[in-house]
Amino acid sequence: KYFIARPKTIGPAFIHFGGNYVTRYQFNAVLKKALNVANITSDNFQSHSFRIGAASQSSKMGFSDDEIQDFGRWESKAYKTYIRIPTLKLASQI
């Protein structure tokens, strides 16, 4: 429902209706409340989980390095450490 209502602008996924970015503190607070409502312990979840997922999925979908860097508002090449694409193990490696 959020993405249907979200203004159609380029940039980070989570923004306020006025266009300002949701801060890490705001995101973590809402995430913690949502997990508590769902009876899921929030101990293992933080905003970094979503940064990893967004960077990895964007890379998997073929977005350029510059686009991924812009999406996550990274000013350095540190975003590359967030990209985690699983590799398949050959049966002989198992």
N, C-alpha and C. Protein backbone atom coordinates (compact mmCIF):
# COMPACT_ATOMS: atom_id res chain seq x y z
N LYS A 1 0.83 -1.19 0.00
CA LYS A 1 0.00 0.00 0.00
C LYS A 1 0.88 1.26 0.00
N TYR A 2 2.01 1.18 0.72
CA TYR A 2 2.90 2.35 0.78
C TYR A 2 3.40 2.72 -0.61
N PHE A 3 3.86 1.73 -1.37
CA PHE A 3 4.45 2.04 -2.67
C PHE A 3 3.42 2.52 -3.69
N ILE A 4 2.15 2.19 -3.48
CA ILE A 4 1.09 2.73 -4.33
C ILE A 4 0.87 4.21 -3.99
N ALA A 5 0.90 4.52 -2.68
CA ALA A 5 0.66 5.90 -2.23
C ALA A 5 1.90 6.78 -2.36
N ARG A 6 3.08 6.18 -2.38
CA ARG A 6 4.34 6.94 -2.40
C ARG A 6 4.42 7.79 -3.66
N PRO A 7 4.88 9.03 -3.52
CA PRO A 7 5.09 9.86 -4.72
C PRO A 7 6.04 9.16 -5.69
N LYS A 8 5.78 9.27 -6.94
CA LYS A 8 6.59 8.60 -7.98
C LYS A 8 7.82 9.45 -8.29
N THR A 9 8.80 9.38 -7.41
CA THR A 9 10.04 10.12 -7.60
C THR A 9 11.22 9.16 -7.54
N ILE A 10 12.30 9.56 -8.14
CA ILE A 10 13.54 8.80 -8.09
C ILE A 10 14.19 9.06 -6.74
N GLY A 11 14.77 8.03 -6.15
CA GLY A 11 15.48 8.20 -4.89
C GLY A 11 15.17 7.07 -3.93
N PRO A 12 15.53 7.26 -2.68
CA PRO A 12 15.33 6.21 -1.68
C PRO A 12 13.87 5.77 -1.61
N ALA A 13 13.66 4.51 -1.26
CA ALA A 13 12.31 3.94 -1.22
C ALA A 13 11.44 4.59 -0.15
N PHE A 14 12.02 4.91 0.99
CA PHE A 14 11.21 5.39 2.10
C PHE A 14 11.38 6.89 2.30
N ILE A 15 10.31 7.61 1.97
CA ILE A 15 10.30 9.06 2.11
C ILE A 15 9.00 9.49 2.77
N HIS A 16 9.01 10.68 3.33
CA HIS A 16 7.80 11.27 3.87
C HIS A 16 6.99 11.85 2.70
N PHE A 17 5.70 12.10 2.92
CA PHE A 17 4.87 12.64 1.84
C PHE A 17 5.41 13.98 1.32
N GLY A 18 6.12 14.72 2.16
CA GLY A 18 6.71 15.97 1.72
C GLY A 18 7.95 15.80 0.88
N GLY A 19 8.46 14.55 0.79
CA GLY A 19 9.64 14.27 -0.02
C GLY A 19 10.92 14.11 0.76
N ASN A 20 10.93 14.46 2.06
CA ASN A 20 12.14 14.29 2.87
C ASN A 20 12.40 12.81 3.11
N TYR A 21 13.67 12.46 3.19
CA TYR A 21 14.04 11.07 3.45
C TYR A 21 13.68 10.67 4.87
N VAL A 22 13.29 9.41 5.03
CA VAL A 22 13.09 8.85 6.36
C VAL A 22 14.48 8.60 6.94
N THR A 23 14.72 9.04 8.15
CA THR A 23 16.04 8.85 8.76
C THR A 23 16.18 7.41 9.25
N ARG A 24 17.40 7.01 9.49
CA ARG A 24 17.68 5.67 10.03
C ARG A 24 16.95 5.49 11.35
N TYR A 25 16.98 6.50 12.21
CA TYR A 25 16.30 6.43 13.51
C TYR A 25 14.80 6.21 13.31
N GLN A 26 14.19 6.97 12.41
CA GLN A 26 12.75 6.83 12.16
C GLN A 26 12.43 5.43 11.60
N PHE A 27 13.24 4.98 10.66
CA PHE A 27 13.01 3.68 10.05
C PHE A 27 13.10 2.58 11.11
N ASN A 28 14.16 2.61 11.93
CA ASN A 28 14.34 1.58 12.95
C ASN A 28 13.20 1.60 13.97
N ALA A 29 12.70 2.78 14.32
CA ALA A 29 11.60 2.88 15.29
C ALA A 29 10.33 2.25 14.74
N VAL A 30 10.01 2.53 13.48
CA VAL A 30 8.81 1.95 12.87
C VAL A 30 8.98 0.45 12.66
N LEU A 31 10.18 0.04 12.24
CA LEU A 31 10.46 -1.39 12.06
C LEU A 31 10.26 -2.15 13.37
N LYS A 32 10.81 -1.61 14.45
CA LYS A 32 10.69 -2.27 15.75
C LYS A 32 9.22 -2.40 16.17
N LYS A 33 8.44 -1.34 15.98
CA LYS A 33 7.01 -1.39 16.32
C LYS A 33 6.28 -2.43 15.47
N ALA A 34 6.57 -2.46 14.18
CA ALA A 34 5.90 -3.41 13.28
C ALA A 34 6.24 -4.85 13.66
N LEU A 35 7.50 -5.11 13.99
CA LEU A 35 7.90 -6.46 14.38
C LEU A 35 7.24 -6.86 15.69
N ASN A 36 7.15 -5.92 16.63
CA ASN A 36 6.50 -6.21 17.91
C ASN A 36 5.02 -6.55 17.71
N VAL A 37 4.34 -5.81 16.84
CA VAL A 37 2.93 -6.09 16.55
C VAL A 37 2.78 -7.49 15.96
N ALA A 38 3.76 -7.91 15.16
CA ALA A 38 3.74 -9.23 14.53
C ALA A 38 4.29 -10.33 15.45
N ASN A 39 4.61 -9.98 16.69
CA ASN A 39 5.18 -10.92 17.66
C ASN A 39 6.50 -11.52 17.18
N ILE A 40 7.31 -10.70 16.54
CA ILE A 40 8.63 -11.11 16.08
C ILE A 40 9.65 -10.30 16.88
N THR A 41 10.63 -10.98 17.45
CA THR A 41 11.65 -10.26 18.21
C THR A 41 12.44 -9.35 17.27
N SER A 42 12.67 -8.14 17.70
CA SER A 42 13.36 -7.17 16.84
C SER A 42 14.87 -7.17 17.07
N ASP A 43 15.37 -8.10 17.88
CA ASP A 43 16.80 -8.12 18.21
C ASP A 43 17.71 -8.28 17.00
N ASN A 44 17.25 -8.99 15.99
CA ASN A 44 18.11 -9.30 14.84
C ASN A 44 17.83 -8.44 13.62
N PHE A 45 17.07 -7.37 13.77
CA PHE A 45 16.71 -6.53 12.64
C PHE A 45 17.11 -5.09 12.89
N GLN A 46 17.73 -4.49 11.89
CA GLN A 46 18.09 -3.07 11.89
C GLN A 46 18.01 -2.59 10.45
N SER A 47 18.18 -1.31 10.26
CA SER A 47 18.08 -0.75 8.92
C SER A 47 19.12 -1.34 7.96
N HIS A 48 20.25 -1.80 8.48
CA HIS A 48 21.29 -2.36 7.61
C HIS A 48 20.79 -3.60 6.87
N SER A 49 19.89 -4.35 7.48
CA SER A 49 19.33 -5.53 6.81
C SER A 49 18.68 -5.11 5.50
N PHE A 50 18.00 -3.97 5.50
CA PHE A 50 17.32 -3.49 4.31
C PHE A 50 18.29 -2.86 3.32
N ARG A 51 19.35 -2.25 3.82
CA ARG A 51 20.36 -1.68 2.91
C ARG A 51 21.05 -2.81 2.16
N ILE A 52 21.35 -3.89 2.86
CA ILE A 52 21.96 -5.06 2.22
C ILE A 52 21.02 -5.63 1.18
N GLY A 53 19.76 -5.80 1.56
CA GLY A 53 18.78 -6.37 0.64
C GLY A 53 18.56 -5.50 -0.59
N ALA A 54 18.45 -4.20 -0.39
CA ALA A 54 18.22 -3.29 -1.51
C ALA A 54 19.42 -3.25 -2.45
N ALA A 55 20.62 -3.19 -1.90
CA ALA A 55 21.82 -3.16 -2.74
C ALA A 55 21.97 -4.47 -3.50
N SER A 56 21.74 -5.59 -2.81
CA SER A 56 21.88 -6.90 -3.45
C SER A 56 20.84 -7.10 -4.55
N GLN A 57 19.59 -6.75 -4.26
CA GLN A 57 18.53 -6.92 -5.26
C GLN A 57 18.74 -6.00 -6.45
N SER A 58 19.16 -4.78 -6.20
CA SER A 58 19.42 -3.84 -7.30
C SER A 58 20.52 -4.36 -8.21
N SER A 59 21.57 -4.92 -7.61
CA SER A 59 22.67 -5.48 -8.39
C SER A 59 22.17 -6.67 -9.20
N LYS A 60 21.40 -7.52 -8.56
CA LYS A 60 20.86 -8.71 -9.23
C LYS A 60 19.97 -8.32 -10.42
N MET A 61 19.27 -7.20 -10.28
CA MET A 61 18.36 -6.73 -11.34
C MET A 61 19.09 -6.00 -12.45
N GLY A 62 20.40 -5.78 -12.28
CA GLY A 62 21.19 -5.18 -13.34
C GLY A 62 21.35 -3.67 -13.26
N PHE A 63 21.01 -3.07 -12.11
CA PHE A 63 21.23 -1.64 -11.98
C PHE A 63 22.72 -1.36 -11.97
N SER A 64 23.11 -0.21 -12.47
CA SER A 64 24.53 0.15 -12.53
C SER A 64 25.05 0.48 -11.14
N ASP A 65 26.37 0.46 -11.00
CA ASP A 65 26.99 0.83 -9.73
C ASP A 65 26.58 2.23 -9.31
N ASP A 66 26.56 3.17 -10.26
CA ASP A 66 26.17 4.55 -9.95
C ASP A 66 24.73 4.62 -9.45
N GLU A 67 23.83 3.85 -10.06
CA GLU A 67 22.43 3.84 -9.63
C GLU A 67 22.29 3.27 -8.22
N ILE A 68 22.98 2.18 -7.95
CA ILE A 68 22.93 1.57 -6.61
C ILE A 68 23.47 2.54 -5.59
N GLN A 69 24.56 3.20 -5.92
CA GLN A 69 25.18 4.17 -5.02
C GLN A 69 24.20 5.31 -4.74
N ASP A 70 23.50 5.78 -5.75
CA ASP A 70 22.51 6.85 -5.57
C ASP A 70 21.33 6.38 -4.72
N PHE A 71 20.83 5.16 -4.99
CA PHE A 71 19.68 4.65 -4.24
C PHE A 71 19.95 4.67 -2.73
N GLY A 72 21.15 4.22 -2.36
CA GLY A 72 21.49 4.11 -0.94
C GLY A 72 22.12 5.36 -0.37
N ARG A 73 22.25 6.41 -1.19
CA ARG A 73 22.88 7.67 -0.79
C ARG A 73 24.30 7.45 -0.26
N TRP A 74 25.02 6.50 -0.88
CA TRP A 74 26.40 6.27 -0.51
C TRP A 74 27.27 7.28 -1.23
N GLU A 75 28.19 7.90 -0.51
CA GLU A 75 29.11 8.85 -1.13
C GLU A 75 30.43 8.19 -1.51
N SER A 76 30.65 6.98 -1.00
CA SER A 76 31.89 6.26 -1.30
C SER A 76 31.51 4.93 -1.96
N LYS A 77 32.51 4.14 -2.22
CA LYS A 77 32.27 2.81 -2.81
C LYS A 77 31.93 1.76 -1.75
N ALA A 78 31.63 2.20 -0.54
CA ALA A 78 31.30 1.28 0.56
C ALA A 78 30.07 0.44 0.25
N TYR A 79 29.21 0.92 -0.64
CA TYR A 79 28.00 0.17 -0.98
C TYR A 79 28.33 -1.23 -1.50
N LYS A 80 29.52 -1.40 -2.09
CA LYS A 80 29.90 -2.70 -2.65
C LYS A 80 29.97 -3.77 -1.57
N THR A 81 30.25 -3.38 -0.33
CA THR A 81 30.30 -4.37 0.76
C THR A 81 28.90 -4.83 1.15
N TYR A 82 27.87 -4.12 0.72
CA TYR A 82 26.50 -4.49 1.03
C TYR A 82 25.91 -5.46 0.01
N ILE A 83 26.51 -5.55 -1.15
CA ILE A 83 25.98 -6.41 -2.20
C ILE A 83 26.36 -7.85 -1.88
N ARG A 84 25.33 -8.65 -1.65
CA ARG A 84 25.54 -10.06 -1.30
C ARG A 84 24.69 -10.91 -2.22
N ILE A 85 25.33 -11.53 -3.17
CA ILE A 85 24.61 -12.39 -4.09
C ILE A 85 25.07 -13.81 -3.83
N PRO A 86 24.12 -14.68 -3.43
CA PRO A 86 24.50 -16.05 -3.11
C PRO A 86 25.03 -16.77 -4.34
N THR A 87 25.96 -17.64 -4.11
CA THR A 87 26.49 -18.46 -5.19
C THR A 87 26.06 -19.90 -4.96
N LEU A 88 25.88 -20.59 -6.03
CA LEU A 88 25.50 -22.01 -5.93
C LEU A 88 26.76 -22.84 -5.75
N LYS A 89 26.66 -23.83 -4.89
CA LYS A 89 27.79 -24.75 -4.72
C LYS A 89 27.56 -25.95 -5.65
N LEU A 90 28.62 -26.38 -6.27
CA LEU A 90 28.54 -27.57 -7.10
C LEU A 90 28.40 -28.77 -6.19
N ALA A 91 27.75 -29.80 -6.67
CA ALA A 91 27.54 -31.00 -5.87
C ALA A 91 28.87 -31.56 -5.36
N SER A 92 29.94 -31.39 -6.12
CA SER A 92 31.25 -31.90 -5.70
C SER A 92 31.85 -31.07 -4.55
N GLN A 93 31.32 -29.86 -4.30
CA GLN A 93 31.83 -29.00 -3.22
C GLN A 93 31.08 -29.23 -1.93
N ILE A 94 29.99 -29.96 -1.97
CA ILE A 94 29.15 -30.14 -0.76
C ILE A 94 29.65 -31.27 0.09
